Amino acid sequence: MGKGQWFARVLRGDGESEHWKEGVPWYATLRARLILSVALVHVVLMGAFVWEAVQEQSTSIRAELESRGHSLVNLMAVASTNALLSEDLASLAEVTARVKHQSDVAYGVVVDERGEVLASTVEGEVGHRFAAVRQRLGVDASHLLDLAEPIRVAGREVGRVYLGLSTQGMRAELARIRNEGLLFIVAALLVGSAAAWLLSFAVTRNLQRLGVAVRRISAGDSEVRVVVRGRDEVGVLGRAFNGMLDSLNAASRAASVEHEKRVEAERLACVGELAAGIAHEIRNPLAAVINSVSLLSEQELEADDRQKVRRILNDEAGRLQRILENFLHFSKVRESRPVPGDLGSLIGEVITLFSQDPDVAGRIGLDSRIASGSEWAVFDQDQLRQVLWNLMRNAVEAMPEGGTLKVEVELGGARRIAVRVCDTGSGIGRDLLDRVMHPFVSSRKQGTGLGLSIVQRILVQHGSSLRVHSEPGKGTEVSFELEAA
């Protein structure tokens, strides 16, 4: 594990942070922002405190050094007065020798009124000019505190004492104070960060639990609950969250029971409607069959009439068979298996089959227009062939006097393919338009009313639905959409 990963785990508080799983960087989490904010405050405050302390200590140490220097140079001036008047070089040398042993003294010089050195802590400088001595010392002026004190007798300056104190000790002391201050900043930063981590952990732990619970709920686990022990605002939020889940589950169970009741009621209603529709559809052909059978049993029936009765009997029996076959197709629509396919090719095949139908050839004009880029879609080929066949068959039957049937395919929105089947037939009345996709609802006497119901069930399995737009006397347009491949 790298240092970055370890630090991120420390900020997260565990190794399984949901934020981390979702790709949120560790520094964007609430816990990281709390810790970094507190750390920044500590750095700024401690830095300002240490800077102020260092400045105060620097001023104090410099003032102490200057006070000590002034005292020392005054003592040298007093001690050198009599020796200077009597030109007692030995006494002056003794004064400088005592000064030499003082700490931090870089040089000490006694000069006469002409500026010649009479005594010095530096050997070999007696008799030279002080300015030259100062240059020969070779000490960096930035590391020295230069002091001077005149020697006066009866108001006349008879000489001068020069003293140089090294500031190296002062600088070393200031460096020590600064380093201790930096260590103090680091220690305060670590302690403050640890405290901030504990605080952020206490604050964000329950928030993380809430986040995990919300994600589990979105995944379908409605039984999850948040364990919240605190009495703060987050604890109140957690308990309110649990109460909300209990209410939602109770409402969901009530809604589920109500939904099941409605589904059962709709199923029974649908069964009743289908039974009534079947009974209505087979009543007439069944009555015709019964009557035909009764007529055939009569001995005096003419041969021509007997032949007509047999033809009626065959026609009505065929009609009953078609009704039952359509009902079986409607009740046993298999589950769709959509795969990418060539929609344009499938439409071309269905149009070719229609063009060979005797009811279409020479009476109905067939046309198709497939926009570029809309040829491929996702569909179940057998079921979509049935959809197109039913829609085109309805369009042909709506144009008994002839007309034009057009199939159009173009790109829709959000990766969808729009398919439209248009005719120039008689149209659908407004009283039937809203019910045209219900079972056993048809505007034609010979229709069973199950074709569009079968189409709608197939399209629902394709994630689509049938839309019908019609105007009496102007034709009908039915349309649906498929997913683009």
Protein backbone atom coordinates (compact mmCIF):
# COMPACT_ATOMS: atom_id res chain seq x y z
CA MET A 1 0.00 0.00 0.00
CA GLY A 2 1.43 3.39 -1.02
CA LYS A 3 1.63 6.41 1.27
CA GLY A 4 -1.13 8.16 -0.67
CA GLN A 5 -3.48 5.20 -0.28
CA TRP A 6 -2.66 4.90 3.43
CA PHE A 7 -3.33 8.60 3.99
CA ALA A 8 -6.58 8.34 2.06
CA ARG A 9 -7.67 5.40 4.24
CA VAL A 10 -6.85 7.40 7.38
CA LEU A 11 -8.98 10.29 6.12
CA ARG A 12 -11.80 7.93 5.20
CA GLY A 13 -11.71 6.18 8.56
CA ASP A 14 -11.97 2.70 7.03
CA GLY A 15 -10.91 0.70 4.02
CA GLU A 16 -14.36 0.37 2.44
CA SER A 17 -15.50 3.93 1.95
CA GLU A 18 -18.47 4.21 -0.38
CA HIS A 19 -17.14 7.57 -1.59
CA TRP A 20 -13.93 5.86 -2.65
CA LYS A 21 -15.86 3.14 -4.48
CA GLU A 22 -17.79 5.73 -6.42
CA GLY A 23 -14.59 7.36 -7.66
CA VAL A 24 -14.81 10.45 -5.43
CA PRO A 25 -11.23 11.55 -4.56
CA TRP A 26 -10.39 11.41 -0.86
CA TYR A 27 -9.72 15.16 -0.70
CA ALA A 28 -13.30 15.87 -1.85
CA THR A 29 -14.90 14.02 1.07
CA LEU A 30 -16.41 15.92 3.99
CA ARG A 31 -14.03 14.24 6.42
CA ALA A 32 -10.96 15.29 4.45
CA ARG A 33 -12.22 18.87 4.16
CA LEU A 34 -12.84 19.05 7.92
CA ILE A 35 -9.37 17.72 8.73
CA LEU A 36 -7.63 19.95 6.18
CA SER A 37 -9.58 23.00 7.36
CA VAL A 38 -8.65 22.46 11.00
CA ALA A 39 -5.04 21.74 10.03
CA LEU A 40 -4.88 24.96 8.02
CA VAL A 41 -6.30 26.96 10.93
CA HIS A 42 -3.70 25.42 13.26
CA VAL A 43 -0.88 26.20 10.86
CA VAL A 44 -1.96 29.82 10.43
CA LEU A 45 -2.57 30.46 14.15
CA MET A 46 0.53 28.63 15.37
CA GLY A 47 2.63 30.22 12.66
CA ALA A 48 1.46 33.69 13.67
CA PHE A 49 2.08 32.85 17.34
CA VAL A 50 5.60 31.53 16.70
CA TRP A 51 6.45 34.48 14.44
CA GLU A 52 5.33 36.89 17.14
CA ALA A 53 7.30 34.97 19.78
CA VAL A 54 10.44 34.88 17.65
CA GLN A 55 10.19 38.61 16.95
CA GLU A 56 9.68 39.36 20.63
CA GLN A 57 12.59 37.14 21.65
CA SER A 58 14.78 38.67 18.96
CA THR A 59 14.03 42.18 20.21
CA SER A 60 14.62 41.13 23.81
CA ILE A 61 17.93 39.37 23.09
CA ARG A 62 19.20 42.26 20.96
CA ALA A 63 18.20 44.77 23.65
CA GLU A 64 19.97 42.63 26.27
CA LEU A 65 23.08 42.42 24.08
CA GLU A 66 23.08 46.17 23.48
CA SER A 67 22.57 46.90 27.20
CA ARG A 68 25.46 44.61 28.09
CA GLY A 69 27.62 46.20 25.43
CA HIS A 70 26.89 49.74 26.62
CA SER A 71 27.67 48.77 30.19
CA LEU A 72 30.93 47.14 29.13
CA VAL A 73 32.06 50.02 26.93
CA ASN A 74 31.25 52.52 29.71
CA LEU A 75 33.33 50.50 32.17
CA MET A 76 36.21 50.46 29.68
CA ALA A 77 35.97 54.22 29.28
CA VAL A 78 35.98 54.82 33.04
CA ALA A 79 38.80 52.33 33.63
CA SER A 80 40.93 53.84 30.85
CA THR A 81 40.61 57.56 31.83
CA ASN A 82 43.46 57.82 34.34
CA ALA A 83 45.72 55.46 32.39
CA LEU A 84 45.11 57.50 29.23
CA LEU A 85 45.98 60.80 30.96
CA SER A 86 49.18 59.31 32.36
CA GLU A 87 49.84 57.42 29.12
CA ASP A 88 50.12 54.21 31.13
CA LEU A 89 49.99 51.73 28.30
CA ALA A 90 50.36 48.77 30.67
CA SER A 91 47.21 49.74 32.54
CA LEU A 92 45.37 50.24 29.26
CA ALA A 93 46.53 46.81 28.08
CA GLU A 94 45.27 45.32 31.33
CA VAL A 95 41.85 46.91 30.70
CA THR A 96 41.61 45.45 27.19
CA ALA A 97 42.87 42.09 28.46
CA ARG A 98 40.02 41.91 30.96
CA VAL A 99 37.56 42.84 28.22
CA LYS A 100 38.98 40.21 25.91
CA HIS A 101 37.90 37.41 28.26
CA GLN A 102 34.26 38.55 28.19
CA SER A 103 31.91 36.41 26.12
CA ASP A 104 30.86 37.62 22.67
CA VAL A 105 33.62 40.30 22.54
CA ALA A 106 35.08 40.43 19.04
CA TYR A 107 37.39 43.35 19.69
CA GLY A 108 38.08 46.12 22.22
CA VAL A 109 40.25 49.11 21.36
CA VAL A 110 41.40 52.24 23.23
CA VAL A 111 42.56 55.13 21.01
CA ASP A 112 43.87 58.58 21.81
CA GLU A 113 42.52 61.83 20.49
CA ARG A 114 44.55 61.44 17.29
CA GLY A 115 42.93 58.03 16.58
CA GLU A 116 46.03 55.93 17.26
CA VAL A 117 45.53 52.63 19.02
CA LEU A 118 46.98 52.65 22.59
CA ALA A 119 45.57 49.25 23.62
CA SER A 120 43.72 46.49 21.81
CA THR A 121 42.42 42.98 22.36
CA VAL A 122 44.00 42.11 19.00
CA GLU A 123 47.76 41.66 19.23
CA GLY A 124 50.07 43.79 17.09
CA GLU A 125 47.66 46.63 16.55
CA VAL A 126 49.07 49.15 19.06
CA GLY A 127 50.36 52.27 17.30
CA HIS A 128 48.20 51.87 14.21
CA ARG A 129 45.21 53.89 13.12
CA PHE A 130 41.88 52.42 14.35
CA ALA A 131 40.27 52.51 10.90
CA ALA A 132 43.02 50.25 9.57
CA VAL A 133 42.67 47.98 12.57
CA ARG A 134 38.92 47.66 11.93
CA GLN A 135 39.58 46.56 8.36
CA ARG A 136 42.25 44.06 9.35
CA LEU A 137 39.97 42.33 11.82
CA GLY A 138 38.23 40.67 8.85
CA VAL A 139 34.95 40.26 10.70
CA ASP A 140 31.65 40.54 8.80
CA ALA A 141 30.02 43.79 9.93
CA SER A 142 26.57 42.12 9.83
CA HIS A 143 27.75 39.77 12.59
CA LEU A 144 28.98 42.56 14.89
CA LEU A 145 27.41 45.08 17.23
CA ASP A 146 29.74 48.12 17.12
CA LEU A 147 29.79 50.42 20.16
CA ALA A 148 31.89 53.53 20.92
CA GLU A 149 32.28 55.65 24.05
CA PRO A 150 34.32 58.91 24.24
CA ILE A 151 36.76 59.52 27.13
CA ARG A 152 36.29 63.07 28.38
CA VAL A 153 38.28 65.04 30.91
CA ALA A 154 37.04 68.48 31.92
CA GLY A 155 34.68 68.48 29.00
CA ARG A 156 37.42 67.66 26.46
CA GLU A 157 37.57 64.41 24.55
CA VAL A 158 40.98 62.91 25.13
CA GLY A 159 40.31 59.53 23.63
CA ARG A 160 37.72 56.95 22.63
CA VAL A 161 36.89 53.37 23.44
CA TYR A 162 35.60 51.02 20.70
CA LEU A 163 33.94 47.71 21.41
CA GLY A 164 32.63 45.08 19.02
CA LEU A 165 30.29 42.33 20.22
CA SER A 166 29.64 39.24 18.08
CA THR A 167 25.98 38.49 17.34
CA GLN A 168 26.62 34.81 16.58
CA GLY A 169 25.37 33.74 19.98
CA MET A 170 22.24 35.85 19.56
CA ARG A 171 21.64 34.32 16.14
CA ALA A 172 22.12 30.80 17.46
CA GLU A 173 19.64 31.48 20.26
CA LEU A 174 17.11 32.86 17.82
CA ALA A 175 17.56 29.84 15.55
CA ARG A 176 16.96 27.56 18.54
CA ILE A 177 13.77 29.44 19.43
CA ARG A 178 12.59 29.29 15.81
CA ASN A 179 13.25 25.56 15.56
CA GLU A 180 11.42 24.93 18.81
CA GLY A 181 8.54 27.01 17.46
CA LEU A 182 8.42 24.90 14.28
CA LEU A 183 8.38 21.73 16.37
CA PHE A 184 5.59 23.24 18.41
CA ILE A 185 3.66 23.97 15.19
CA VAL A 186 4.13 20.40 13.98
CA ALA A 187 3.07 18.97 17.36
CA ALA A 188 0.02 21.26 17.50
CA LEU A 189 -0.80 20.32 13.88
CA LEU A 190 -0.66 16.60 14.67
CA VAL A 191 -2.73 16.94 17.83
CA GLY A 192 -5.26 19.23 16.11
CA SER A 193 -5.49 16.92 13.09
CA ALA A 194 -6.05 13.91 15.33
CA ALA A 195 -8.78 15.79 17.19
CA ALA A 196 -10.28 16.93 13.87
CA TRP A 197 -10.20 13.36 12.58
CA LEU A 198 -12.06 12.12 15.66
CA LEU A 199 -14.58 14.95 15.31
CA SER A 200 -15.04 14.36 11.58
CA PHE A 201 -15.36 10.63 12.15
CA ALA A 202 -18.13 11.22 14.67
CA VAL A 203 -19.88 13.61 12.25
CA THR A 204 -19.46 11.71 8.98
CA ARG A 205 -19.88 8.16 10.24
CA ASN A 206 -23.65 8.48 10.41
CA LEU A 207 -23.71 10.41 7.14
CA GLN A 208 -21.82 7.56 5.47
CA ARG A 209 -24.31 5.10 6.90
CA LEU A 210 -27.12 7.20 5.47
CA GLY A 211 -25.39 7.24 2.08
CA VAL A 212 -24.94 3.44 2.12
CA ALA A 213 -28.59 3.01 3.08
CA VAL A 214 -29.77 5.27 0.25
CA ARG A 215 -27.68 3.34 -2.30
CA ARG A 216 -29.03 0.02 -1.02
CA ILE A 217 -32.57 1.35 -1.26
CA SER A 218 -31.95 2.49 -4.84
CA ALA A 219 -30.70 -1.05 -5.54
CA GLY A 220 -34.02 -2.46 -4.30
CA ASP A 221 -33.31 -3.30 -0.65
CA SER A 222 -36.20 -1.62 1.15
CA GLU A 223 -35.51 -3.38 4.47
CA VAL A 224 -32.25 -1.54 5.21
CA ARG A 225 -32.10 0.63 8.33
CA VAL A 226 -29.55 3.13 9.65
CA VAL A 227 -28.01 2.45 13.07
CA VAL A 228 -27.75 5.92 14.68
CA ARG A 229 -26.75 6.35 18.33
CA GLY A 230 -26.09 10.08 18.51
CA ARG A 231 -28.51 12.72 19.73
CA ASP A 232 -27.24 15.49 17.47
CA GLU A 233 -28.77 16.74 14.23
CA VAL A 234 -27.36 13.82 12.26
CA GLY A 235 -28.88 11.39 14.76
CA VAL A 236 -32.24 13.11 14.41
CA LEU A 237 -31.88 12.87 10.63
CA GLY A 238 -31.05 9.15 10.85
CA ARG A 239 -34.07 8.40 13.00
CA ALA A 240 -36.28 10.46 10.69
CA PHE A 241 -34.80 8.51 7.76
CA ASN A 242 -35.70 5.19 9.41
CA GLY A 243 -39.20 6.47 10.12
CA MET A 244 -39.58 7.54 6.50
CA LEU A 245 -38.51 4.05 5.35
CA ASP A 246 -41.08 2.44 7.64
CA SER A 247 -43.79 4.70 6.24
CA LEU A 248 -42.70 4.05 2.66
CA ASN A 249 -42.66 0.28 3.21
CA ALA A 250 -46.12 0.38 4.75
CA ALA A 251 -47.39 2.49 1.85
CA SER A 252 -45.65 0.17 -0.63
CA ARG A 253 -47.26 -2.91 0.90
CA ALA A 254 -50.66 -1.22 0.84
CA ALA A 255 -50.10 -0.15 -2.77
CA SER A 256 -48.96 -3.68 -3.68
CA VAL A 257 -52.13 -5.19 -2.18
CA GLU A 258 -54.24 -2.60 -3.98
CA HIS A 259 -52.37 -3.24 -7.23
CA GLU A 260 -52.93 -6.98 -6.94
CA LYS A 261 -56.63 -6.35 -6.37
CA ARG A 262 -56.82 -4.11 -9.42
CA VAL A 263 -54.83 -6.55 -11.55
CA GLU A 264 -57.16 -9.37 -10.51
CA ALA A 265 -60.19 -7.19 -11.21
CA GLU A 266 -58.78 -6.16 -14.60
CA ARG A 267 -57.93 -9.78 -15.40
CA LEU A 268 -61.47 -10.90 -14.58
CA ALA A 269 -62.87 -7.98 -16.56
CA CYS A 270 -60.60 -8.87 -19.49
CA VAL A 271 -61.66 -12.51 -19.31
CA GLY A 272 -65.28 -11.41 -19.26
CA GLU A 273 -64.70 -9.05 -22.17
CA LEU A 274 -62.91 -11.74 -24.16
CA ALA A 275 -65.65 -14.26 -23.39
CA ALA A 276 -68.32 -11.77 -24.43
CA GLY A 277 -66.33 -10.91 -27.57
CA ILE A 278 -65.90 -14.55 -28.54
CA ALA A 279 -69.55 -15.27 -27.87
CA HIS A 280 -70.56 -12.25 -29.97
CA GLU A 281 -68.21 -13.16 -32.83
CA ILE A 282 -69.18 -16.83 -33.06
CA ARG A 283 -72.92 -16.30 -32.50
CA ASN A 284 -73.80 -15.46 -36.11
CA PRO A 285 -71.60 -18.03 -37.85
CA LEU A 286 -72.65 -20.68 -35.32
CA ALA A 287 -76.34 -19.89 -35.94
CA ALA A 288 -75.69 -20.14 -39.67
CA VAL A 289 -74.02 -23.53 -39.19
CA ILE A 290 -76.93 -24.83 -37.07
CA ASN A 291 -79.49 -23.62 -39.58
CA SER A 292 -77.50 -25.10 -42.46
CA VAL A 293 -77.29 -28.47 -40.75
CA SER A 294 -81.05 -28.37 -40.14
CA LEU A 295 -81.74 -27.60 -43.80
CA LEU A 296 -79.44 -30.40 -44.98
CA SER A 297 -81.48 -32.89 -42.94
CA GLU A 298 -84.63 -32.07 -44.90
CA GLN A 299 -85.28 -34.61 -47.67
CA GLU A 300 -87.29 -32.33 -50.00
CA LEU A 301 -84.44 -29.76 -50.34
CA GLU A 302 -83.52 -29.11 -53.96
CA ALA A 303 -80.05 -30.09 -55.16
CA ASP A 304 -79.10 -26.44 -55.97
CA ASP A 305 -80.33 -25.29 -52.59
CA ARG A 306 -78.45 -28.12 -50.93
CA GLN A 307 -75.27 -26.99 -52.72
CA LYS A 308 -75.81 -23.39 -51.52
CA VAL A 309 -76.35 -24.58 -47.94
CA ARG A 310 -73.11 -26.61 -48.12
CA ARG A 311 -71.27 -23.50 -49.36
CA ILE A 312 -72.72 -21.41 -46.52
CA LEU A 313 -71.79 -24.15 -44.07
CA ASN A 314 -68.18 -24.22 -45.35
CA ASP A 315 -67.87 -20.41 -45.27
CA GLU A 316 -69.20 -20.05 -41.73
CA ALA A 317 -67.09 -22.96 -40.49
CA GLY A 318 -64.03 -21.28 -42.00
CA ARG A 319 -65.02 -18.04 -40.33
CA LEU A 320 -65.28 -19.81 -36.98
CA GLN A 321 -61.86 -21.33 -37.54
CA ARG A 322 -60.29 -17.92 -38.31
CA ILE A 323 -61.87 -16.43 -35.18
CA LEU A 324 -60.43 -19.21 -33.03
CA GLU A 325 -57.00 -19.01 -34.70
CA ASN A 326 -56.82 -15.25 -34.16
CA PHE A 327 -57.86 -15.67 -30.55
CA LEU A 328 -55.14 -18.31 -30.04
CA HIS A 329 -52.55 -15.97 -31.62
CA PHE A 330 -53.70 -13.19 -29.32
CA SER A 331 -53.57 -15.32 -26.16
CA LYS A 332 -50.25 -17.03 -26.98
CA VAL A 333 -47.97 -14.25 -28.19
CA ARG A 334 -44.54 -15.64 -27.35
CA GLU A 335 -41.83 -13.66 -25.57
CA SER A 336 -39.84 -11.44 -27.93
CA ARG A 337 -36.15 -12.04 -28.61
CA PRO A 338 -34.97 -8.74 -30.14
CA VAL A 339 -31.59 -8.76 -31.92
CA PRO A 340 -29.95 -6.26 -34.30
CA GLY A 341 -31.31 -6.74 -37.81
CA ASP A 342 -31.79 -5.14 -41.23
CA LEU A 343 -35.16 -3.41 -40.94
CA GLY A 344 -35.05 -2.16 -44.52
CA SER A 345 -34.58 -5.67 -45.87
CA LEU A 346 -37.50 -7.02 -43.79
CA ILE A 347 -39.84 -4.25 -45.02
CA GLY A 348 -38.79 -4.99 -48.60
CA GLU A 349 -39.67 -8.69 -48.16
CA VAL A 350 -43.14 -7.92 -46.75
CA ILE A 351 -43.88 -5.42 -49.55
CA THR A 352 -42.77 -7.97 -52.16
CA LEU A 353 -45.17 -10.58 -50.72
CA PHE A 354 -48.00 -8.03 -50.69
CA SER A 355 -47.36 -7.03 -54.29
CA GLN A 356 -48.05 -10.65 -55.33
CA ASP A 357 -51.43 -10.74 -53.54
CA PRO A 358 -54.32 -10.73 -56.08
CA ASP A 359 -56.25 -8.27 -53.89
CA VAL A 360 -53.33 -5.81 -54.10
CA ALA A 361 -51.83 -6.16 -57.56
CA GLY A 362 -53.18 -3.52 -59.94
CA ARG A 363 -55.38 -1.96 -57.25
CA ILE A 364 -53.09 -0.76 -54.45
CA GLY A 365 -49.96 1.28 -55.03
CA LEU A 366 -47.10 0.21 -52.74
CA ASP A 367 -44.30 2.61 -51.80
CA SER A 368 -41.52 2.61 -49.21
CA ARG A 369 -39.05 5.27 -48.11
CA ILE A 370 -36.19 4.34 -45.79
CA ALA A 371 -34.00 7.25 -44.66
CA SER A 372 -30.22 6.80 -44.68
CA GLY A 373 -28.88 5.53 -41.37
CA SER A 374 -32.21 4.06 -40.25
CA GLU A 375 -31.87 0.64 -41.87
CA TRP A 376 -30.68 -1.22 -38.78
CA ALA A 377 -32.72 -1.68 -35.61
CA VAL A 378 -33.20 -4.12 -32.72
CA PHE A 379 -36.24 -6.40 -33.18
CA ASP A 380 -37.59 -9.95 -33.25
CA GLN A 381 -37.71 -10.70 -36.96
CA ASP A 382 -40.67 -13.14 -36.96
CA GLN A 383 -42.79 -10.96 -34.67
CA LEU A 384 -42.01 -7.73 -36.53
CA ARG A 385 -42.89 -9.44 -39.81
CA GLN A 386 -46.28 -10.26 -38.24
CA VAL A 387 -46.65 -6.63 -37.07
CA LEU A 388 -45.93 -5.24 -40.55
CA TRP A 389 -48.17 -7.84 -42.21
CA ASN A 390 -51.13 -7.05 -39.90
CA LEU A 391 -50.75 -3.28 -40.30
CA MET A 392 -50.43 -3.51 -44.09
CA ARG A 393 -53.32 -5.96 -44.33
CA ASN A 394 -55.53 -3.56 -42.33
CA ALA A 395 -54.44 -0.74 -44.65
CA VAL A 396 -55.33 -2.75 -47.76
CA GLU A 397 -58.73 -3.72 -46.37
CA ALA A 398 -59.41 -0.04 -45.59
CA MET A 399 -59.02 0.77 -49.34
CA PRO A 400 -61.63 -1.43 -51.09
CA GLU A 401 -61.72 1.00 -54.04
CA GLY A 402 -57.92 1.14 -54.33
CA GLY A 403 -55.37 3.64 -53.10
CA THR A 404 -51.77 4.00 -51.96
CA LEU A 405 -50.01 2.23 -49.10
CA LYS A 406 -46.75 3.79 -47.96
CA VAL A 407 -44.16 2.56 -45.42
CA GLU A 408 -41.71 5.17 -44.10
CA VAL A 409 -38.68 4.65 -41.87
CA GLU A 410 -36.55 7.47 -40.44
CA LEU A 411 -34.36 8.32 -37.47
CA GLY A 412 -36.15 9.34 -34.29
CA GLY A 413 -34.76 10.89 -31.13
CA ALA A 414 -32.47 9.25 -28.55
CA ARG A 415 -31.27 6.38 -30.80
CA ARG A 416 -34.75 5.39 -31.95
CA ILE A 417 -36.05 4.33 -35.37
CA ALA A 418 -39.52 5.57 -36.32
CA VAL A 419 -41.72 3.36 -38.59
CA ARG A 420 -44.96 4.64 -40.17
CA VAL A 421 -47.57 2.78 -42.25
CA CYS A 422 -49.91 5.16 -44.11
CA ASP A 423 -52.92 4.49 -46.32
CA THR A 424 -55.41 6.62 -48.28
CA GLY A 425 -58.44 4.62 -47.20
CA SER A 426 -61.70 5.54 -45.53
CA GLY A 427 -60.14 6.20 -42.11
CA ILE A 428 -61.42 5.33 -38.66
CA GLY A 429 -64.35 7.01 -37.00
CA ARG A 430 -63.75 9.05 -33.87
CA ASP A 431 -66.01 6.77 -31.87
CA LEU A 432 -63.70 3.82 -32.59
CA LEU A 433 -60.31 5.58 -32.60
CA ASP A 434 -59.81 5.37 -28.82
CA ARG A 435 -60.87 1.71 -28.72
CA VAL A 436 -59.37 0.42 -31.93
CA MET A 437 -56.63 -1.56 -30.13
CA HIS A 438 -59.04 -3.26 -27.74
CA PRO A 439 -59.78 -6.94 -28.45
CA PHE A 440 -62.77 -7.66 -30.75
CA VAL A 441 -63.16 -3.99 -31.76
CA SER A 442 -63.24 -3.59 -35.55
CA SER A 443 -64.77 -1.24 -38.07
CA ARG A 444 -65.15 -4.05 -40.65
CA LYS A 445 -67.93 -6.58 -40.65
CA GLN A 446 -65.62 -9.48 -41.44
CA GLY A 447 -62.87 -8.39 -39.01
CA THR A 448 -62.22 -10.13 -35.70
CA GLY A 449 -60.78 -7.04 -33.97
CA LEU A 450 -57.69 -8.94 -32.73
CA GLY A 451 -55.07 -7.82 -35.29
CA LEU A 452 -54.15 -4.48 -33.69
CA SER A 453 -54.34 -6.04 -30.19
CA ILE A 454 -51.73 -8.62 -31.23
CA VAL A 455 -49.57 -5.85 -32.75
CA GLN A 456 -49.77 -3.80 -29.55
CA ARG A 457 -48.74 -6.77 -27.37
CA ILE A 458 -45.73 -7.47 -29.60
CA LEU A 459 -44.63 -3.82 -29.61
CA VAL A 460 -44.90 -3.58 -25.82
CA GLN A 461 -42.39 -6.44 -25.59
CA HIS A 462 -40.11 -4.36 -27.86
CA GLY A 463 -40.32 -1.38 -25.49
CA SER A 464 -42.63 0.51 -27.84
CA SER A 465 -46.31 1.11 -28.50
CA LEU A 466 -48.62 1.68 -31.44
CA ARG A 467 -49.89 5.18 -32.20
CA VAL A 468 -52.88 5.68 -34.52
CA HIS A 469 -53.78 8.91 -36.29
CA SER A 470 -56.77 8.87 -38.62
CA GLU A 471 -59.27 11.19 -40.27
CA PRO A 472 -62.43 9.80 -41.82
CA GLY A 473 -62.23 9.98 -45.61
CA LYS A 474 -58.51 10.94 -45.63
CA GLY A 475 -56.75 7.79 -44.49
CA THR A 476 -54.94 6.40 -41.48
CA GLU A 477 -51.36 6.57 -40.22
CA VAL A 478 -50.09 4.04 -37.65
CA SER A 479 -46.57 4.40 -36.23
CA PHE A 480 -44.19 2.91 -33.68
CA GLU A 481 -40.53 3.17 -32.71
CA LEU A 482 -37.71 0.64 -32.35
CA GLU A 483 -34.31 0.86 -30.71
CA ALA A 484 -31.55 1.70 -33.18
CA ALA A 485 -28.89 -0.99 -33.65
